[in-house]
Amino acid sequence: MTLHVGTSGWQYKDWRGVLYPADVPVRRWLEEYAERFATVEINNAFYRLPSRETFASWAGRVPSDFVVAVKASRYLTHIKRLRDPEEPVHRLMTHAAGLGARLGPILLQLPPTLRADAGLLDACLSCFPSDARVAVEPRDASWWTPAVRKVLEARGAALCWADVRARPSTPLWRTADWGYVRFHEGRAQPWPRYGQHALETWVDRVATTWQDGNDVYAYFNNDLGGAAVGDAALFGRTAERADLTVTRTPRALAARG
């Protein structure tokens, strides 16, 4: 198993002096990030889908082993609410294709007001290319049904394991031969950091669910104050100690471990 560890985005001003040296200009932050991590989740694609050219320019600025996960546009998930998905999915994938070989999973984060509809989800997933990795993050408890799980399994889509305040907010279903985990908010100090025990628990969950040859993507979305980069580094270090194969993380930021 390979555990791909990164953060949800890289352009946060308060990461200056934490991840980025103070004298490095913002325009060079992606290159600096890619030296320290081997994957990122493009969270801001949710608000405004970048052009194919922008995706291509990012791909040209990172190493060949770098993987980019893309959060689907809110037009698909929150405005259309998965209805009539053909055009928005096609546009999303056409733009993201600019990443070339660096394109990783696509994340569909559903609105918290969207209740379960297995047929609607299936119709949406059917619009993605067969080789696309799609992770789904529902945020209403009505989705935790056998019918929804069956759709995810049949489409090879991963249920996104989401953590809020160091506890799973989703069932820990394995629905594909790869996994996707998002860390939204820890309980440690200073807020919103994650504590060592919480990260050890998540490493154990991952290690006991997936085997050799599987990819698991883990992204920290608790970006405030540089918490995400420190927690991602510590998570990577913790996973290495458990003998997992982990993509690069900045060891210097894992000092709490």
C-alpha atoms as a PDB file:
ATOM      1  CA  MET A   1       0.000   0.000   0.000  1.00  0.00           C
ATOM      2  CA  THR A   2       1.098   3.539  -0.728  1.00  0.00           C
ATOM      3  CA  LEU A   3      -0.237   6.292   1.504  1.00  0.00           C
ATOM      4  CA  HIS A   4      -0.297   9.619  -0.341  1.00  0.00           C
ATOM      5  CA  VAL A   5      -0.251  12.406   2.260  1.00  0.00           C
ATOM      6  CA  GLY A   6      -0.854  16.088   1.602  1.00  0.00           C
ATOM      7  CA  THR A   7      -3.069  19.081   2.315  1.00  0.00           C
ATOM      8  CA  SER A   8      -6.196  20.631   0.818  1.00  0.00           C
ATOM      9  CA  GLY A   9      -4.561  23.453  -1.106  1.00  0.00           C
ATOM     10  CA  TRP A  10      -1.208  25.192  -0.771  1.00  0.00           C
ATOM     11  CA  GLN A  11      -1.980  28.944  -0.980  1.00  0.00           C
ATOM     12  CA  TYR A  12      -2.451  30.038   2.632  1.00  0.00           C
ATOM     13  CA  LYS A  13      -0.801  33.247   3.807  1.00  0.00           C
ATOM     14  CA  ASP A  14      -0.308  32.014   7.355  1.00  0.00           C
ATOM     15  CA  TRP A  15       1.871  29.153   6.070  1.00  0.00           C
ATOM     16  CA  ARG A  16       4.627  31.681   5.427  1.00  0.00           C
ATOM     17  CA  GLY A  17       7.262  30.962   8.006  1.00  0.00           C
ATOM     18  CA  VAL A  18       5.717  27.539   8.697  1.00  0.00           C
ATOM     19  CA  LEU A  19       6.023  25.684   5.387  1.00  0.00           C
ATOM     20  CA  TYR A  20       7.387  28.469   3.192  1.00  0.00           C
ATOM     21  CA  PRO A  21      10.519  30.503   3.929  1.00  0.00           C
ATOM     22  CA  ALA A  22       9.707  34.158   4.511  1.00  0.00           C
ATOM     23  CA  ASP A  23      11.768  35.283   1.512  1.00  0.00           C
ATOM     24  CA  VAL A  24      10.051  33.002  -1.046  1.00  0.00           C
ATOM     25  CA  PRO A  25       7.447  34.868  -3.153  1.00  0.00           C
ATOM     26  CA  VAL A  26       3.897  33.552  -3.356  1.00  0.00           C
ATOM     27  CA  ARG A  27       4.344  32.700  -7.041  1.00  0.00           C
ATOM     28  CA  ARG A  28       6.908  30.062  -6.024  1.00  0.00           C
ATOM     29  CA  TRP A  29       4.849  28.431  -3.300  1.00  0.00           C
ATOM     30  CA  LEU A  30       3.672  25.510  -5.444  1.00  0.00           C
ATOM     31  CA  GLU A  31       7.263  24.551  -6.215  1.00  0.00           C
ATOM     32  CA  GLU A  32       8.153  24.858  -2.526  1.00  0.00           C
ATOM     33  CA  TYR A  33       5.143  22.747  -1.556  1.00  0.00           C
ATOM     34  CA  ALA A  34       6.002  20.057  -4.131  1.00  0.00           C
ATOM     35  CA  GLU A  35       9.505  19.729  -2.706  1.00  0.00           C
ATOM     36  CA  ARG A  36       7.992  18.810   0.656  1.00  0.00           C
ATOM     37  CA  PHE A  37       4.846  16.889  -0.323  1.00  0.00           C
ATOM     38  CA  ALA A  38       4.070  14.631  -3.289  1.00  0.00           C
ATOM     39  CA  THR A  39       0.332  15.303  -3.482  1.00  0.00           C
ATOM     40  CA  VAL A  40      -2.202  18.085  -2.996  1.00  0.00           C
ATOM     41  CA  GLU A  41      -5.980  18.373  -3.133  1.00  0.00           C
ATOM     42  CA  ILE A  42      -7.154  21.350  -5.194  1.00  0.00           C
ATOM     43  CA  ASN A  43      -9.862  22.513  -2.832  1.00  0.00           C
ATOM     44  CA  ASN A  44     -10.489  25.888  -4.498  1.00  0.00           C
ATOM     45  CA  ALA A  45     -11.643  24.152  -7.706  1.00  0.00           C
ATOM     46  CA  PHE A  46     -14.925  23.789  -5.805  1.00  0.00           C
ATOM     47  CA  TYR A  47     -15.444  27.555  -5.912  1.00  0.00           C
ATOM     48  CA  ARG A  48     -14.112  28.213  -9.394  1.00  0.00           C
ATOM     49  CA  LEU A  49     -13.063  25.472 -11.765  1.00  0.00           C
ATOM     50  CA  PRO A  50      -9.606  26.331 -13.136  1.00  0.00           C
ATOM     51  CA  SER A  51      -9.102  26.305 -16.884  1.00  0.00           C
ATOM     52  CA  ARG A  52      -7.378  23.428 -18.628  1.00  0.00           C
ATOM     53  CA  GLU A  53      -4.457  25.782 -19.225  1.00  0.00           C
ATOM     54  CA  THR A  54      -4.155  26.565 -15.512  1.00  0.00           C
ATOM     55  CA  PHE A  55      -4.165  22.874 -14.648  1.00  0.00           C
ATOM     56  CA  ALA A  56      -1.519  22.289 -17.314  1.00  0.00           C
ATOM     57  CA  SER A  57       0.650  25.100 -15.950  1.00  0.00           C
ATOM     58  CA  TRP A  58       0.496  23.564 -12.468  1.00  0.00           C
ATOM     59  CA  ALA A  59       1.469  20.182 -13.898  1.00  0.00           C
ATOM     60  CA  GLY A  60       4.518  21.757 -15.482  1.00  0.00           C
ATOM     61  CA  ARG A  61       5.690  23.168 -12.165  1.00  0.00           C
ATOM     62  CA  VAL A  62       5.712  19.962 -10.102  1.00  0.00           C
ATOM     63  CA  PRO A  63       7.817  16.772 -10.248  1.00  0.00           C
ATOM     64  CA  SER A  64       6.759  13.757 -12.297  1.00  0.00           C
ATOM     65  CA  ASP A  65       5.768  11.825  -9.151  1.00  0.00           C
ATOM     66  CA  PHE A  66       3.366  14.529  -7.955  1.00  0.00           C
ATOM     67  CA  VAL A  67      -0.366  13.657  -7.735  1.00  0.00           C
ATOM     68  CA  VAL A  68      -3.168  16.234  -7.807  1.00  0.00           C
ATOM     69  CA  ALA A  69      -6.616  15.434  -6.444  1.00  0.00           C
ATOM     70  CA  VAL A  70      -9.372  17.774  -7.653  1.00  0.00           C
ATOM     71  CA  LYS A  71     -12.461  18.743  -5.697  1.00  0.00           C
ATOM     72  CA  ALA A  72     -15.388  18.916  -8.083  1.00  0.00           C
ATOM     73  CA  SER A  73     -17.004  22.259  -8.809  1.00  0.00           C
ATOM     74  CA  ARG A  74     -19.921  23.271  -6.631  1.00  0.00           C
ATOM     75  CA  TYR A  75     -21.890  23.749  -9.854  1.00  0.00           C
ATOM     76  CA  LEU A  76     -22.144  19.956 -10.081  1.00  0.00           C
ATOM     77  CA  THR A  77     -22.556  19.143  -6.395  1.00  0.00           C
ATOM     78  CA  HIS A  78     -24.294  22.149  -4.828  1.00  0.00           C
ATOM     79  CA  ILE A  79     -26.098  23.999  -7.617  1.00  0.00           C
ATOM     80  CA  LYS A  80     -27.139  21.106  -9.851  1.00  0.00           C
ATOM     81  CA  ARG A  81     -27.125  18.791  -6.778  1.00  0.00           C
ATOM     82  CA  LEU A  82     -25.961  15.928  -9.050  1.00  0.00           C
ATOM     83  CA  ARG A  83     -28.879  16.395 -11.460  1.00  0.00           C
ATOM     84  CA  ASP A  84     -28.161  16.508 -15.216  1.00  0.00           C
ATOM     85  CA  PRO A  85     -24.517  15.619 -14.558  1.00  0.00           C
ATOM     86  CA  GLU A  86     -23.312  14.960 -18.111  1.00  0.00           C
ATOM     87  CA  GLU A  87     -22.190  18.482 -19.034  1.00  0.00           C
ATOM     88  CA  PRO A  88     -20.634  19.511 -15.693  1.00  0.00           C
ATOM     89  CA  VAL A  89     -18.778  16.193 -15.388  1.00  0.00           C
ATOM     90  CA  HIS A  90     -17.508  16.486 -18.954  1.00  0.00           C
ATOM     91  CA  ARG A  91     -16.345  20.063 -18.314  1.00  0.00           C
ATOM     92  CA  LEU A  92     -14.672  19.079 -15.059  1.00  0.00           C
ATOM     93  CA  MET A  93     -12.782  16.195 -16.622  1.00  0.00           C
ATOM     94  CA  THR A  94     -11.864  18.169 -19.759  1.00  0.00           C
ATOM     95  CA  HIS A  95     -10.328  20.922 -17.646  1.00  0.00           C
ATOM     96  CA  ALA A  96      -8.627  18.535 -15.202  1.00  0.00           C
ATOM     97  CA  ALA A  97      -7.121  16.618 -18.135  1.00  0.00           C
ATOM     98  CA  GLY A  98      -4.640  19.479 -18.336  1.00  0.00           C
ATOM     99  CA  LEU A  99      -2.872  17.789 -15.409  1.00  0.00           C
ATOM    100  CA  GLY A 100      -2.027  14.815 -17.624  1.00  0.00           C
ATOM    101  CA  ALA A 101      -0.375  11.974 -15.721  1.00  0.00           C
ATOM    102  CA  ARG A 102      -0.437  14.023 -12.514  1.00  0.00           C
ATOM    103  CA  LEU A 103      -4.234  13.837 -12.240  1.00  0.00           C
ATOM    104  CA  GLY A 104      -5.304  11.805  -9.231  1.00  0.00           C
ATOM    105  CA  PRO A 105      -8.757  11.290  -7.705  1.00  0.00           C
ATOM    106  CA  ILE A 106     -11.791  13.517  -8.146  1.00  0.00           C
ATOM    107  CA  LEU A 107     -13.649  14.401  -4.942  1.00  0.00           C
ATOM    108  CA  LEU A 108     -17.414  14.890  -4.913  1.00  0.00           C
ATOM    109  CA  GLN A 109     -18.269  16.599  -1.623  1.00  0.00           C
ATOM    110  CA  LEU A 110     -22.051  16.624  -1.346  1.00  0.00           C
ATOM    111  CA  PRO A 111     -23.980  19.442   0.333  1.00  0.00           C
ATOM    112  CA  PRO A 112     -25.136  18.713   3.890  1.00  0.00           C
ATOM    113  CA  THR A 113     -28.718  19.392   2.795  1.00  0.00           C
ATOM    114  CA  LEU A 114     -28.666  16.734   0.050  1.00  0.00           C
ATOM    115  CA  ARG A 115     -30.406  13.599   1.262  1.00  0.00           C
ATOM    116  CA  ALA A 116     -29.651  10.148  -0.050  1.00  0.00           C
ATOM    117  CA  ASP A 117     -30.612   9.221  -3.581  1.00  0.00           C
ATOM    118  CA  ALA A 118     -28.748   6.141  -4.738  1.00  0.00           C
ATOM    119  CA  GLY A 119     -30.088   6.422  -8.273  1.00  0.00           C
ATOM    120  CA  LEU A 120     -29.008  10.038  -8.598  1.00  0.00           C
ATOM    121  CA  LEU A 121     -25.519   9.176  -7.356  1.00  0.00           C
ATOM    122  CA  ASP A 122     -25.271   6.228  -9.732  1.00  0.00           C
ATOM    123  CA  ALA A 123     -26.293   8.358 -12.712  1.00  0.00           C
ATOM    124  CA  CYS A 124     -23.666  10.939 -11.809  1.00  0.00           C
ATOM    125  CA  LEU A 125     -20.882   8.398 -11.331  1.00  0.00           C
ATOM    126  CA  SER A 126     -21.765   6.787 -14.663  1.00  0.00           C
ATOM    127  CA  CYS A 127     -20.743  10.014 -16.436  1.00  0.00           C
ATOM    128  CA  PHE A 128     -17.116   9.758 -15.333  1.00  0.00           C
ATOM    129  CA  PRO A 129     -14.560   7.915 -17.506  1.00  0.00           C
ATOM    130  CA  SER A 130     -14.168   4.296 -16.453  1.00  0.00           C
ATOM    131  CA  ASP A 131     -10.550   4.857 -15.419  1.00  0.00           C
ATOM    132  CA  ALA A 132     -11.301   7.915 -13.243  1.00  0.00           C
ATOM    133  CA  ARG A 133     -10.956   7.554  -9.493  1.00  0.00           C
ATOM    134  CA  VAL A 134     -13.909   9.277  -7.845  1.00  0.00           C
ATOM    135  CA  ALA A 135     -14.304   9.721  -4.081  1.00  0.00           C
ATOM    136  CA  VAL A 136     -17.686  10.697  -2.638  1.00  0.00           C
ATOM    137  CA  GLU A 137     -18.101  12.612   0.633  1.00  0.00           C
ATOM    138  CA  PRO A 138     -21.791  12.687   1.638  1.00  0.00           C
ATOM    139  CA  ARG A 139     -22.637  14.875   4.623  1.00  0.00           C
ATOM    140  CA  ASP A 140     -26.110  13.695   5.601  1.00  0.00           C
ATOM    141  CA  ALA A 141     -26.653  10.500   7.585  1.00  0.00           C
ATOM    142  CA  SER A 142     -29.382   9.329   5.210  1.00  0.00           C
ATOM    143  CA  TRP A 143     -26.635   8.193   2.810  1.00  0.00           C
ATOM    144  CA  TRP A 144     -25.444   5.385   5.080  1.00  0.00           C
ATOM    145  CA  THR A 145     -27.523   2.642   3.468  1.00  0.00           C
ATOM    146  CA  PRO A 146     -26.778  -0.673   1.736  1.00  0.00           C
ATOM    147  CA  ALA A 147     -28.124   0.757  -1.541  1.00  0.00           C
ATOM    148  CA  VAL A 148     -25.644   3.630  -1.514  1.00  0.00           C
ATOM    149  CA  ARG A 149     -22.793   1.335  -0.586  1.00  0.00           C
ATOM    150  CA  LYS A 150     -23.730  -0.971  -3.450  1.00  0.00           C
ATOM    151  CA  VAL A 151     -23.621   1.932  -5.937  1.00  0.00           C
ATOM    152  CA  LEU A 152     -20.179   2.983  -4.750  1.00  0.00           C
ATOM    153  CA  GLU A 153     -18.859  -0.572  -4.955  1.00  0.00           C
ATOM    154  CA  ALA A 154     -20.358  -1.192  -8.396  1.00  0.00           C
ATOM    155  CA  ARG A 155     -18.801   2.019  -9.761  1.00  0.00           C
ATOM    156  CA  GLY A 156     -15.431   1.506  -8.045  1.00  0.00           C
ATOM    157  CA  ALA A 157     -15.899   4.818  -6.238  1.00  0.00           C
ATOM    158  CA  ALA A 158     -14.382   5.335  -2.803  1.00  0.00           C
ATOM    159  CA  LEU A 159     -16.431   6.503   0.119  1.00  0.00           C
ATOM    160  CA  CYS A 160     -14.412   9.417   1.478  1.00  0.00           C
ATOM    161  CA  TRP A 161     -13.615   8.762   5.115  1.00  0.00           C
ATOM    162  CA  ALA A 162     -14.080  12.147   6.789  1.00  0.00           C
ATOM    163  CA  ASP A 163     -12.831  13.140  10.225  1.00  0.00           C
ATOM    164  CA  VAL A 164     -14.281  15.972  12.291  1.00  0.00           C
ATOM    165  CA  ARG A 165     -12.879  16.654  15.755  1.00  0.00           C
ATOM    166  CA  ALA A 166     -10.750  13.490  15.671  1.00  0.00           C
ATOM    167  CA  ARG A 167     -13.716  11.185  15.047  1.00  0.00           C
ATOM    168  CA  PRO A 168     -15.078   9.612  11.864  1.00  0.00           C
ATOM    169  CA  SER A 169     -18.135  11.451  10.546  1.00  0.00           C
ATOM    170  CA  THR A 170     -18.735   8.730   7.967  1.00  0.00           C
ATOM    171  CA  PRO A 171     -18.931   4.934   8.078  1.00  0.00           C
ATOM    172  CA  LEU A 172     -15.586   3.245   7.501  1.00  0.00           C
ATOM    173  CA  TRP A 173     -16.719   1.387   4.408  1.00  0.00           C
ATOM    174  CA  ARG A 174     -14.184   0.093   1.927  1.00  0.00           C
ATOM    175  CA  THR A 175     -15.998   0.449  -1.392  1.00  0.00           C
ATOM    176  CA  ALA A 176     -13.044   0.388  -3.807  1.00  0.00           C
ATOM    177  CA  ASP A 177      -9.519  -0.981  -4.092  1.00  0.00           C
ATOM    178  CA  TRP A 178      -8.222   2.467  -3.104  1.00  0.00           C
ATOM    179  CA  GLY A 179      -9.116   4.908  -0.344  1.00  0.00           C
ATOM    180  CA  TYR A 180      -9.560   8.598   0.390  1.00  0.00           C
ATOM    181  CA  VAL A 181      -9.435  10.287   3.809  1.00  0.00           C
ATOM    182  CA  ARG A 182     -10.059  13.951   4.711  1.00  0.00           C
ATOM    183  CA  PHE A 183      -9.124  15.526   8.038  1.00  0.00           C
ATOM    184  CA  HIS A 184     -11.269  18.588   8.736  1.00  0.00           C
ATOM    185  CA  GLU A 185     -10.701  19.527  12.376  1.00  0.00           C
ATOM    186  CA  GLY A 186      -8.738  18.060  15.250  1.00  0.00           C
ATOM    187  CA  ARG A 187      -9.236  18.456  18.997  1.00  0.00           C
ATOM    188  CA  ALA A 188      -5.646  19.083  20.092  1.00  0.00           C
ATOM    189  CA  GLN A 189      -4.108  22.407  21.057  1.00  0.00           C
ATOM    190  CA  PRO A 190      -3.567  24.762  19.450  1.00  0.00           C
ATOM    191  CA  TRP A 191      -6.879  24.324  17.626  1.00  0.00           C
ATOM    192  CA  PRO A 192      -7.487  22.835  15.035  1.00  0.00           C
ATOM    193  CA  ARG A 193      -4.507  20.469  15.391  1.00  0.00           C
ATOM    194  CA  TYR A 194      -4.685  16.691  15.657  1.00  0.00           C
ATOM    195  CA  GLY A 195      -3.095  14.845  18.553  1.00  0.00           C
ATOM    196  CA  GLN A 196      -0.670  11.953  18.241  1.00  0.00           C
ATOM    197  CA  HIS A 197      -3.192   9.389  19.479  1.00  0.00           C
ATOM    198  CA  ALA A 198      -5.821  10.444  16.930  1.00  0.00           C
ATOM    199  CA  LEU A 199      -3.321  10.133  14.088  1.00  0.00           C
ATOM    200  CA  GLU A 200      -2.135   6.728  15.323  1.00  0.00           C
ATOM    201  CA  THR A 201      -5.751   5.551  15.334  1.00  0.00           C
ATOM    202  CA  TRP A 202      -6.212   6.692  11.737  1.00  0.00           C
ATOM    203  CA  VAL A 203      -2.995   4.989  10.642  1.00  0.00           C
ATOM    204  CA  ASP A 204      -4.306   1.760  12.156  1.00  0.00           C
ATOM    205  CA  ARG A 205      -7.643   2.108  10.359  1.00  0.00           C
ATOM    206  CA  VAL A 206      -5.897   2.589   7.039  1.00  0.00           C
ATOM    207  CA  ALA A 207      -3.385  -0.214   7.612  1.00  0.00           C
ATOM    208  CA  THR A 208      -6.041  -2.762   8.546  1.00  0.00           C
ATOM    209  CA  THR A 209      -8.331  -1.890   5.611  1.00  0.00           C
ATOM    210  CA  TRP A 210      -6.012  -1.741   2.605  1.00  0.00           C
ATOM    211  CA  GLN A 211      -3.203  -4.040   1.527  1.00  0.00           C
ATOM    212  CA  ASP A 212      -0.119  -4.012  -0.653  1.00  0.00           C
ATOM    213  CA  GLY A 213      -0.766  -2.535  -4.062  1.00  0.00           C
ATOM    214  CA  ASN A 214      -3.563  -0.225  -2.895  1.00  0.00           C
ATOM    215  CA  ASP A 215      -3.375   3.573  -2.951  1.00  0.00           C
ATOM    216  CA  VAL A 216      -4.820   5.629  -0.108  1.00  0.00           C
ATOM    217  CA  TYR A 217      -4.977   9.429  -0.349  1.00  0.00           C
ATOM    218  CA  ALA A 218      -5.078  11.479   2.861  1.00  0.00           C
ATOM    219  CA  TYR A 219      -5.530  15.252   2.941  1.00  0.00           C
ATOM    220  CA  PHE A 220      -5.563  17.660   5.858  1.00  0.00           C
ATOM    221  CA  ASN A 221      -8.082  20.475   5.493  1.00  0.00           C
ATOM    222  CA  ASN A 222      -7.444  22.127   8.887  1.00  0.00           C
ATOM    223  CA  ASP A 223      -5.320  24.787   7.235  1.00  0.00           C
ATOM    224  CA  LEU A 224      -5.577  27.514   9.891  1.00  0.00           C
ATOM    225  CA  GLY A 225      -2.229  28.587  11.289  1.00  0.00           C
ATOM    226  CA  GLY A 226      -0.336  25.903   9.427  1.00  0.00           C
ATOM    227  CA  ALA A 227      -2.036  23.120  11.407  1.00  0.00           C
ATOM    228  CA  ALA A 228      -2.578  21.077   8.247  1.00  0.00           C
ATOM    229  CA  VAL A 229       1.071  20.930   7.236  1.00  0.00           C
ATOM    230  CA  GLY A 230       2.244  20.003  10.719  1.00  0.00           C
ATOM    231  CA  ASP A 231      -0.432  17.329  11.087  1.00  0.00           C
ATOM    232  CA  ALA A 232       0.214  15.926   7.611  1.00  0.00           C
ATOM    233  CA  ALA A 233       3.921  15.677   8.420  1.00  0.00           C
ATOM    234  CA  LEU A 234       3.239  13.956  11.735  1.00  0.00           C
ATOM    235  CA  PHE A 235       0.707  11.608  10.117  1.00  0.00           C
ATOM    236  CA  GLY A 236       3.288  10.619   7.508  1.00  0.00           C
ATOM    237  CA  ARG A 237       5.923  10.026  10.169  1.00  0.00           C
ATOM    238  CA  THR A 238       3.466   7.984  12.255  1.00  0.00           C
ATOM    239  CA  ALA A 239       2.540   5.848   9.240  1.00  0.00           C
ATOM    240  CA  GLU A 240       6.217   5.220   8.456  1.00  0.00           C
ATOM    241  CA  ARG A 241       6.740   3.997  12.007  1.00  0.00           C
ATOM    242  CA  ALA A 242       3.908   1.524  11.370  1.00  0.00           C
ATOM    243  CA  ASP A 243       5.879   0.254   8.342  1.00  0.00           C
ATOM    244  CA  LEU A 244       3.589   1.793   5.737  1.00  0.00           C
ATOM    245  CA  THR A 245       4.923   3.190   2.470  1.00  0.00           C
ATOM    246  CA  VAL A 246       4.334   6.936   2.578  1.00  0.00           C
ATOM    247  CA  THR A 247       4.966   9.668   0.029  1.00  0.00           C
ATOM    248  CA  ARG A 248       7.316  12.460   1.086  1.00  0.00           C
ATOM    249  CA  THR A 249       6.358  14.775   3.919  1.00  0.00           C
ATOM    250  CA  PRO A 250       8.445  17.495   5.600  1.00  0.00           C
ATOM    251  CA  ARG A 251      10.155  15.670   8.467  1.00  0.00           C
ATOM    252  CA  ALA A 252      11.141  18.890  10.178  1.00  0.00           C
ATOM    253  CA  LEU A 253       7.468  19.692  10.778  1.00  0.00           C
ATOM    254  CA  ALA A 254       6.773  16.323  12.429  1.00  0.00           C
ATOM    255  CA  ALA A 255       8.720  17.306  15.538  1.00  0.00           C
ATOM    256  CA  ARG A 256       5.858  16.488  17.904  1.00  0.00           C
ATOM    257  CA  GLY A 257       6.347  12.830  16.951  1.00  0.00           C
END
